[in-house]
């Protein structure tokens, strides 16, 4: 279960999830006209952030790869194998996945990142952890670095 999505900037409003189905809606006010839309309210960006934190890539100049989001760190708190873990990725250095929490059921061990002091994995290692602990994929089903 995804518990929350957050970022390292005060302008980002943390999004919390509850057990069960969560629906992301953008609302219009009473003052909204028929021409007003909910475009630009962040629905797709939230999905992009979740995808990025789970190991997805970003394209320079598009979505999370836009200049105004350069050097933002996004964090996803989620349950992995019954434990809550936090995974963070920075748009300036997307090859590194910072992790906090217990996922000892995986054979992939993080290493301490010299720059931040946090525990880190590569993206292929992180997706291997997710595949192993969330979907029961075997070691031979991965091609890691």
N, C-alpha and C. Protein backbone atom coordinates (compact mmCIF):
# COMPACT_ATOMS: atom_id res chain seq x y z
N UNK A 1 0.83 -1.17 0.00
CA UNK A 1 0.00 0.00 0.00
C UNK A 1 0.88 1.24 0.00
N UNK A 2 0.54 2.20 -0.80
CA UNK A 2 1.21 3.49 -0.78
C UNK A 2 0.61 4.30 0.37
N UNK A 3 1.44 4.81 1.23
CA UNK A 3 0.98 5.58 2.39
C UNK A 3 0.96 7.07 2.11
N UNK A 4 2.03 7.59 1.49
CA UNK A 4 2.03 9.01 1.15
C UNK A 4 3.09 9.31 0.10
N UNK A 5 2.92 10.45 -0.54
CA UNK A 5 3.86 10.98 -1.52
C UNK A 5 4.22 12.37 -1.03
N UNK A 6 5.54 12.63 -0.94
CA UNK A 6 5.98 13.92 -0.45
C UNK A 6 7.19 14.40 -1.23
N UNK A 7 7.58 15.64 -1.01
CA UNK A 7 8.73 16.22 -1.69
C UNK A 7 9.50 17.09 -0.71
N UNK A 8 10.69 17.49 -1.14
CA UNK A 8 11.56 18.28 -0.27
C UNK A 8 11.34 19.78 -0.42
N UNK A 9 10.22 20.19 -0.97
CA UNK A 9 9.90 21.61 -1.14
C UNK A 9 8.60 21.93 -0.43
N UNK A 10 8.59 23.07 0.24
CA UNK A 10 7.40 23.48 1.02
C UNK A 10 6.19 23.70 0.13
N UNK A 11 6.40 24.03 -1.13
CA UNK A 11 5.28 24.29 -2.03
C UNK A 11 4.53 23.01 -2.43
N UNK A 12 5.12 21.85 -2.17
CA UNK A 12 4.49 20.58 -2.50
C UNK A 12 3.62 20.13 -1.33
N UNK A 13 2.36 19.87 -1.61
CA UNK A 13 1.45 19.40 -0.57
C UNK A 13 1.51 17.88 -0.51
N UNK A 14 1.89 17.34 0.65
CA UNK A 14 1.96 15.89 0.83
C UNK A 14 0.59 15.28 0.56
N UNK A 15 0.60 14.16 -0.16
CA UNK A 15 -0.63 13.44 -0.47
C UNK A 15 -0.65 12.16 0.34
N UNK A 16 -1.68 11.97 1.14
CA UNK A 16 -1.82 10.79 1.97
C UNK A 16 -2.85 9.85 1.37
N UNK A 17 -2.60 8.55 1.51
CA UNK A 17 -3.51 7.53 1.02
C UNK A 17 -4.02 6.71 2.19
N UNK A 18 -5.22 6.18 2.04
CA UNK A 18 -5.84 5.34 3.06
C UNK A 18 -5.99 3.92 2.52
N UNK A 19 -6.18 2.95 3.39
CA UNK A 19 -6.43 1.59 2.90
C UNK A 19 -7.67 1.56 2.01
N UNK A 20 -7.66 0.70 1.02
CA UNK A 20 -8.78 0.61 0.09
C UNK A 20 -8.52 1.44 -1.15
N UNK A 21 -9.55 1.68 -1.89
CA UNK A 21 -9.40 2.43 -3.14
C UNK A 21 -9.35 3.93 -2.84
N UNK A 22 -8.37 4.58 -3.44
CA UNK A 22 -8.22 6.03 -3.33
C UNK A 22 -8.45 6.62 -4.71
N UNK A 23 -9.22 7.67 -4.78
CA UNK A 23 -9.52 8.31 -6.05
C UNK A 23 -9.00 9.73 -5.99
N UNK A 24 -8.25 10.10 -7.01
CA UNK A 24 -7.68 11.43 -7.09
C UNK A 24 -8.58 12.31 -7.95
N UNK A 25 -9.12 13.34 -7.34
CA UNK A 25 -10.02 14.24 -8.04
C UNK A 25 -9.53 15.68 -7.90
N UNK A 26 -9.81 16.46 -8.90
CA UNK A 26 -9.59 17.90 -8.81
C UNK A 26 -10.98 18.53 -8.84
N UNK A 27 -11.19 19.45 -7.94
CA UNK A 27 -12.52 20.04 -7.84
C UNK A 27 -12.55 21.44 -8.44
N UNK A 28 -13.72 21.83 -8.80
CA UNK A 28 -13.97 23.19 -9.28
C UNK A 28 -14.81 23.90 -8.24
N UNK A 29 -14.62 25.18 -8.13
CA UNK A 29 -15.36 25.95 -7.13
C UNK A 29 -16.72 26.38 -7.69
N UNK A 30 -17.54 26.94 -6.83
CA UNK A 30 -18.84 27.45 -7.28
C UNK A 30 -18.67 28.56 -8.30
N UNK A 31 -17.54 29.26 -8.21
CA UNK A 31 -17.28 30.36 -9.13
C UNK A 31 -16.76 29.88 -10.49
N UNK A 32 -16.44 28.59 -10.61
CA UNK A 32 -15.92 28.06 -11.87
C UNK A 32 -16.99 28.11 -12.96
N UNK A 33 -16.56 28.47 -14.15
CA UNK A 33 -17.49 28.47 -15.28
C UNK A 33 -17.35 27.16 -16.05
N UNK A 34 -18.19 26.99 -17.03
CA UNK A 34 -18.13 25.78 -17.86
C UNK A 34 -16.80 25.70 -18.61
N UNK A 35 -16.14 26.85 -18.81
CA UNK A 35 -14.86 26.87 -19.52
C UNK A 35 -13.68 26.53 -18.62
N UNK A 36 -13.86 26.62 -17.30
CA UNK A 36 -12.79 26.28 -16.37
C UNK A 36 -12.62 24.76 -16.35
N UNK A 37 -11.36 24.34 -16.28
CA UNK A 37 -11.11 22.90 -16.25
C UNK A 37 -10.26 22.55 -15.04
N UNK A 38 -10.03 21.29 -14.85
CA UNK A 38 -9.14 20.84 -13.78
C UNK A 38 -7.77 20.50 -14.35
N UNK A 39 -7.49 20.90 -15.58
CA UNK A 39 -6.16 20.73 -16.15
C UNK A 39 -5.16 21.52 -15.33
N UNK A 40 -3.98 20.95 -15.15
CA UNK A 40 -2.94 21.65 -14.41
C UNK A 40 -3.07 21.55 -12.91
N UNK A 41 -3.93 20.68 -12.41
CA UNK A 41 -4.10 20.57 -10.96
C UNK A 41 -3.15 19.56 -10.33
N UNK A 42 -2.38 18.80 -11.14
CA UNK A 42 -1.36 17.91 -10.61
C UNK A 42 -1.70 16.43 -10.58
N UNK A 43 -2.83 16.04 -11.15
CA UNK A 43 -3.22 14.62 -11.12
C UNK A 43 -2.21 13.75 -11.84
N UNK A 44 -1.85 14.10 -13.05
CA UNK A 44 -0.88 13.31 -13.82
C UNK A 44 0.51 13.40 -13.22
N UNK A 45 0.85 14.55 -12.69
CA UNK A 45 2.17 14.70 -12.06
C UNK A 45 2.29 13.78 -10.86
N UNK A 46 1.24 13.63 -10.08
CA UNK A 46 1.29 12.71 -8.94
C UNK A 46 1.54 11.28 -9.41
N UNK A 47 0.88 10.87 -10.46
CA UNK A 47 1.11 9.53 -11.01
C UNK A 47 2.55 9.41 -11.51
N UNK A 48 3.07 10.46 -12.14
CA UNK A 48 4.46 10.46 -12.60
C UNK A 48 5.44 10.32 -11.42
N UNK A 49 5.15 10.99 -10.32
CA UNK A 49 6.03 10.90 -9.14
C UNK A 49 6.03 9.49 -8.58
N UNK A 50 4.87 8.87 -8.48
CA UNK A 50 4.79 7.49 -7.99
C UNK A 50 5.57 6.57 -8.92
N UNK A 51 5.38 6.72 -10.21
CA UNK A 51 6.09 5.91 -11.20
C UNK A 51 7.61 6.10 -11.06
N UNK A 52 8.05 7.33 -10.91
CA UNK A 52 9.46 7.66 -10.75
C UNK A 52 10.03 7.01 -9.49
N UNK A 53 9.32 7.12 -8.37
CA UNK A 53 9.81 6.53 -7.12
C UNK A 53 9.83 5.00 -7.15
N UNK A 54 9.01 4.40 -7.97
CA UNK A 54 8.99 2.94 -8.10
C UNK A 54 9.99 2.44 -9.14
N UNK A 55 10.80 3.35 -9.70
CA UNK A 55 11.86 2.93 -10.61
C UNK A 55 11.71 3.40 -12.03
N UNK A 56 10.66 4.13 -12.34
CA UNK A 56 10.45 4.62 -13.69
C UNK A 56 11.42 5.74 -14.05
N UNK A 57 11.54 5.98 -15.33
CA UNK A 57 12.48 7.00 -15.79
C UNK A 57 11.76 8.33 -16.04
N UNK A 58 12.56 9.37 -16.18
CA UNK A 58 12.03 10.68 -16.55
C UNK A 58 12.76 11.13 -17.81
N UNK A 59 12.10 11.97 -18.58
CA UNK A 59 12.67 12.49 -19.82
C UNK A 59 12.97 13.96 -19.63
N UNK A 60 14.20 14.34 -19.95
CA UNK A 60 14.60 15.74 -19.80
C UNK A 60 13.66 16.64 -20.60
N UNK A 61 13.17 17.68 -19.95
CA UNK A 61 12.30 18.65 -20.60
C UNK A 61 10.83 18.30 -20.59
N UNK A 62 10.48 17.12 -20.09
CA UNK A 62 9.08 16.70 -20.04
C UNK A 62 8.73 16.22 -18.64
N UNK A 63 7.50 16.45 -18.23
CA UNK A 63 7.03 15.95 -16.93
C UNK A 63 7.97 16.32 -15.80
N UNK A 64 8.42 15.31 -15.04
CA UNK A 64 9.33 15.57 -13.92
C UNK A 64 10.71 16.01 -14.38
N UNK A 65 10.99 15.89 -15.66
CA UNK A 65 12.28 16.30 -16.21
C UNK A 65 12.34 17.76 -16.62
N UNK A 66 11.26 18.51 -16.36
CA UNK A 66 11.25 19.93 -16.71
C UNK A 66 12.21 20.70 -15.81
N UNK A 67 12.73 21.78 -16.33
CA UNK A 67 13.73 22.58 -15.64
C UNK A 67 13.28 23.04 -14.25
N UNK A 68 12.01 23.44 -14.10
CA UNK A 68 11.56 23.94 -12.80
C UNK A 68 11.47 22.85 -11.73
N UNK A 69 11.58 21.59 -12.12
CA UNK A 69 11.58 20.49 -11.16
C UNK A 69 12.98 19.88 -10.98
N UNK A 70 13.98 20.50 -11.58
CA UNK A 70 15.35 20.01 -11.46
C UNK A 70 15.81 20.12 -10.00
N UNK A 71 16.35 19.04 -9.50
CA UNK A 71 16.88 18.94 -8.14
C UNK A 71 15.79 18.85 -7.07
N UNK A 72 14.61 18.42 -7.45
CA UNK A 72 13.57 18.10 -6.47
C UNK A 72 13.76 16.65 -6.04
N UNK A 73 13.54 16.37 -4.77
CA UNK A 73 13.56 15.00 -4.28
C UNK A 73 12.13 14.62 -3.90
N UNK A 74 11.67 13.53 -4.50
CA UNK A 74 10.34 13.01 -4.21
C UNK A 74 10.48 11.75 -3.38
N UNK A 75 9.59 11.58 -2.42
CA UNK A 75 9.64 10.43 -1.52
C UNK A 75 8.28 9.74 -1.51
N UNK A 76 8.35 8.44 -1.55
CA UNK A 76 7.15 7.60 -1.51
C UNK A 76 7.28 6.71 -0.27
N UNK A 77 6.30 6.77 0.62
CA UNK A 77 6.23 5.85 1.75
C UNK A 77 5.26 4.75 1.36
N UNK A 78 5.73 3.51 1.42
CA UNK A 78 4.87 2.40 1.03
C UNK A 78 5.19 1.16 1.82
N UNK A 79 4.27 0.22 1.81
CA UNK A 79 4.47 -1.06 2.49
C UNK A 79 5.09 -2.04 1.52
N UNK A 80 6.19 -2.63 1.96
CA UNK A 80 6.88 -3.66 1.18
C UNK A 80 7.09 -4.84 2.11
N UNK A 81 6.52 -5.96 1.77
CA UNK A 81 6.64 -7.19 2.56
C UNK A 81 6.23 -6.96 4.02
N UNK A 82 5.16 -6.20 4.21
CA UNK A 82 4.63 -5.98 5.55
C UNK A 82 5.34 -4.91 6.35
N UNK A 83 6.33 -4.26 5.78
CA UNK A 83 7.07 -3.20 6.47
C UNK A 83 6.92 -1.90 5.69
N UNK A 84 6.84 -0.78 6.40
CA UNK A 84 6.77 0.51 5.73
C UNK A 84 8.19 0.97 5.42
N UNK A 85 8.43 1.28 4.16
CA UNK A 85 9.73 1.79 3.72
C UNK A 85 9.51 3.14 3.05
N UNK A 86 10.56 3.93 3.03
CA UNK A 86 10.56 5.21 2.32
C UNK A 86 11.59 5.12 1.21
N UNK A 87 11.19 5.52 0.03
CA UNK A 87 12.10 5.53 -1.11
C UNK A 87 12.09 6.94 -1.69
N UNK A 88 13.28 7.46 -1.94
CA UNK A 88 13.41 8.83 -2.45
C UNK A 88 14.29 8.84 -3.69
N UNK A 89 13.90 9.68 -4.64
CA UNK A 89 14.72 9.89 -5.83
C UNK A 89 14.74 11.38 -6.15
N UNK A 90 15.90 11.82 -6.61
CA UNK A 90 16.09 13.22 -6.96
C UNK A 90 16.12 13.34 -8.47
N UNK A 91 15.44 14.34 -9.00
CA UNK A 91 15.36 14.50 -10.46
C UNK A 91 16.70 14.88 -11.08
N UNK A 92 17.61 15.41 -10.29
CA UNK A 92 18.93 15.78 -10.79
C UNK A 92 19.85 14.56 -10.85
N UNK A 93 19.63 13.59 -9.98
CA UNK A 93 20.45 12.38 -9.92
C UNK A 93 19.53 11.16 -9.86
N UNK A 94 18.80 10.89 -10.94
CA UNK A 94 17.77 9.84 -10.90
C UNK A 94 18.31 8.41 -10.87
N UNK A 95 19.61 8.22 -11.03
CA UNK A 95 20.16 6.86 -11.01
C UNK A 95 20.23 6.28 -9.60
N UNK A 96 20.11 7.14 -8.60
CA UNK A 96 20.25 6.74 -7.21
C UNK A 96 18.88 6.69 -6.54
N UNK A 97 18.65 5.62 -5.78
CA UNK A 97 17.41 5.45 -5.02
C UNK A 97 17.78 5.38 -3.55
N UNK A 98 17.37 6.37 -2.78
CA UNK A 98 17.63 6.37 -1.34
C UNK A 98 16.51 5.63 -0.64
N UNK A 99 16.88 4.73 0.26
CA UNK A 99 15.89 3.88 0.92
C UNK A 99 16.04 3.93 2.43
N UNK A 100 14.92 3.87 3.11
CA UNK A 100 14.87 3.76 4.57
C UNK A 100 13.84 2.71 4.91
N UNK A 101 14.17 1.84 5.85
CA UNK A 101 13.22 0.83 6.28
C UNK A 101 13.79 -0.56 6.16
N UNK A 102 12.96 -1.54 6.48
CA UNK A 102 13.39 -2.94 6.50
C UNK A 102 12.78 -3.69 5.32
N UNK A 103 13.63 -4.17 4.47
CA UNK A 103 13.21 -5.07 3.41
C UNK A 103 14.21 -6.22 3.33
N UNK A 104 14.48 -6.79 4.50
CA UNK A 104 15.49 -7.83 4.65
C UNK A 104 15.16 -9.11 3.91
N UNK A 105 13.95 -9.25 3.42
CA UNK A 105 13.60 -10.44 2.66
C UNK A 105 14.20 -10.45 1.26
N UNK A 106 14.84 -9.39 0.87
CA UNK A 106 15.47 -9.32 -0.44
C UNK A 106 16.96 -9.59 -0.33
N UNK A 107 17.54 -10.15 -1.38
CA UNK A 107 18.98 -10.43 -1.38
C UNK A 107 19.80 -9.20 -1.75
N UNK A 108 19.14 -8.11 -2.11
CA UNK A 108 19.83 -6.89 -2.52
C UNK A 108 20.05 -6.02 -1.28
N UNK A 109 21.31 -5.70 -1.03
CA UNK A 109 21.64 -4.86 0.13
C UNK A 109 22.06 -3.47 -0.34
N UNK A 110 21.51 -2.43 0.28
CA UNK A 110 21.91 -1.07 -0.11
C UNK A 110 23.30 -0.74 0.42
N UNK A 111 23.90 0.28 -0.16
CA UNK A 111 25.20 0.77 0.29
C UNK A 111 25.01 2.20 0.75
N UNK A 112 25.86 2.62 1.68
CA UNK A 112 25.77 3.99 2.18
C UNK A 112 26.25 4.95 1.11
N UNK A 113 25.41 5.93 0.80
CA UNK A 113 25.74 6.95 -0.18
C UNK A 113 26.71 7.95 0.45
N UNK A 114 27.86 8.15 -0.18
CA UNK A 114 28.88 9.03 0.39
C UNK A 114 28.41 10.48 0.47
N UNK A 115 27.62 10.92 -0.49
CA UNK A 115 27.18 12.32 -0.53
C UNK A 115 26.15 12.63 0.55
N UNK A 116 25.22 11.71 0.81
CA UNK A 116 24.12 12.00 1.73
C UNK A 116 24.21 11.25 3.05
N UNK A 117 24.96 10.16 3.07
CA UNK A 117 25.01 9.32 4.27
C UNK A 117 23.84 8.36 4.38
N UNK A 118 22.90 8.45 3.44
CA UNK A 118 21.73 7.57 3.43
C UNK A 118 22.07 6.26 2.72
N UNK A 119 21.23 5.26 2.95
CA UNK A 119 21.38 3.99 2.26
C UNK A 119 20.81 4.14 0.84
N UNK A 120 21.53 3.60 -0.14
CA UNK A 120 21.13 3.80 -1.53
C UNK A 120 21.24 2.52 -2.34
N UNK A 121 20.41 2.45 -3.35
CA UNK A 121 20.41 1.37 -4.34
C UNK A 121 20.42 2.01 -5.72
N UNK A 122 20.81 1.23 -6.71
CA UNK A 122 20.63 1.67 -8.09
C UNK A 122 19.18 1.39 -8.46
N UNK A 123 18.72 1.97 -9.55
CA UNK A 123 17.34 1.72 -9.99
C UNK A 123 17.10 0.24 -10.28
N UNK A 124 18.02 -0.45 -11.01
CA UNK A 124 17.79 -1.89 -11.23
C UNK A 124 17.74 -2.69 -9.92
N UNK A 125 18.55 -2.31 -8.95
CA UNK A 125 18.50 -3.01 -7.66
C UNK A 125 17.16 -2.78 -6.97
N UNK A 126 16.67 -1.53 -7.01
CA UNK A 126 15.40 -1.19 -6.37
C UNK A 126 14.26 -1.97 -7.02
N UNK A 127 14.23 -2.02 -8.34
CA UNK A 127 13.15 -2.74 -9.01
C UNK A 127 13.25 -4.24 -8.72
N UNK A 128 14.45 -4.73 -8.48
CA UNK A 128 14.62 -6.14 -8.09
C UNK A 128 14.02 -6.37 -6.70
N UNK A 129 14.28 -5.44 -5.77
CA UNK A 129 13.69 -5.54 -4.44
C UNK A 129 12.17 -5.59 -4.54
N UNK A 130 11.61 -4.67 -5.32
CA UNK A 130 10.15 -4.63 -5.48
C UNK A 130 9.62 -5.91 -6.11
N UNK A 131 10.29 -6.37 -7.16
CA UNK A 131 9.84 -7.59 -7.83
C UNK A 131 9.88 -8.80 -6.93
N UNK A 132 10.95 -8.91 -6.13
CA UNK A 132 11.11 -10.04 -5.23
C UNK A 132 10.11 -10.01 -4.10
N UNK A 133 10.02 -8.87 -3.42
CA UNK A 133 9.20 -8.80 -2.21
C UNK A 133 7.72 -8.56 -2.46
N UNK A 134 7.38 -7.92 -3.58
CA UNK A 134 5.97 -7.63 -3.82
C UNK A 134 5.31 -8.62 -4.78
N UNK A 135 6.11 -9.21 -5.66
CA UNK A 135 5.52 -10.08 -6.66
C UNK A 135 6.11 -11.48 -6.68
N UNK A 136 7.04 -11.76 -5.78
CA UNK A 136 7.62 -13.09 -5.66
C UNK A 136 8.45 -13.52 -6.85
N UNK A 137 8.98 -12.57 -7.60
CA UNK A 137 9.82 -12.92 -8.74
C UNK A 137 11.13 -13.49 -8.25
N UNK A 138 11.66 -14.48 -8.97
CA UNK A 138 12.90 -15.14 -8.58
C UNK A 138 14.13 -14.38 -9.02
N UNK A 139 15.27 -14.73 -8.42
CA UNK A 139 16.54 -14.08 -8.71
C UNK A 139 16.92 -14.16 -10.19
N UNK A 140 16.59 -15.25 -10.85
CA UNK A 140 16.99 -15.45 -12.25
C UNK A 140 16.15 -14.62 -13.23
N UNK A 141 15.16 -13.90 -12.75
CA UNK A 141 14.30 -13.12 -13.62
C UNK A 141 14.76 -11.67 -13.76
N UNK A 142 16.00 -11.39 -13.29
CA UNK A 142 16.51 -10.02 -13.33
C UNK A 142 17.83 -9.94 -14.06
N UNK A 143 18.05 -8.78 -14.59
CA UNK A 143 19.30 -8.47 -15.26
C UNK A 143 19.82 -7.19 -14.60
N UNK A 144 20.54 -7.33 -13.48
CA UNK A 144 20.99 -6.16 -12.74
C UNK A 144 22.42 -5.82 -13.12
N UNK A 145 22.80 -4.62 -12.75
CA UNK A 145 24.15 -4.14 -13.07
C UNK A 145 25.17 -4.74 -12.18
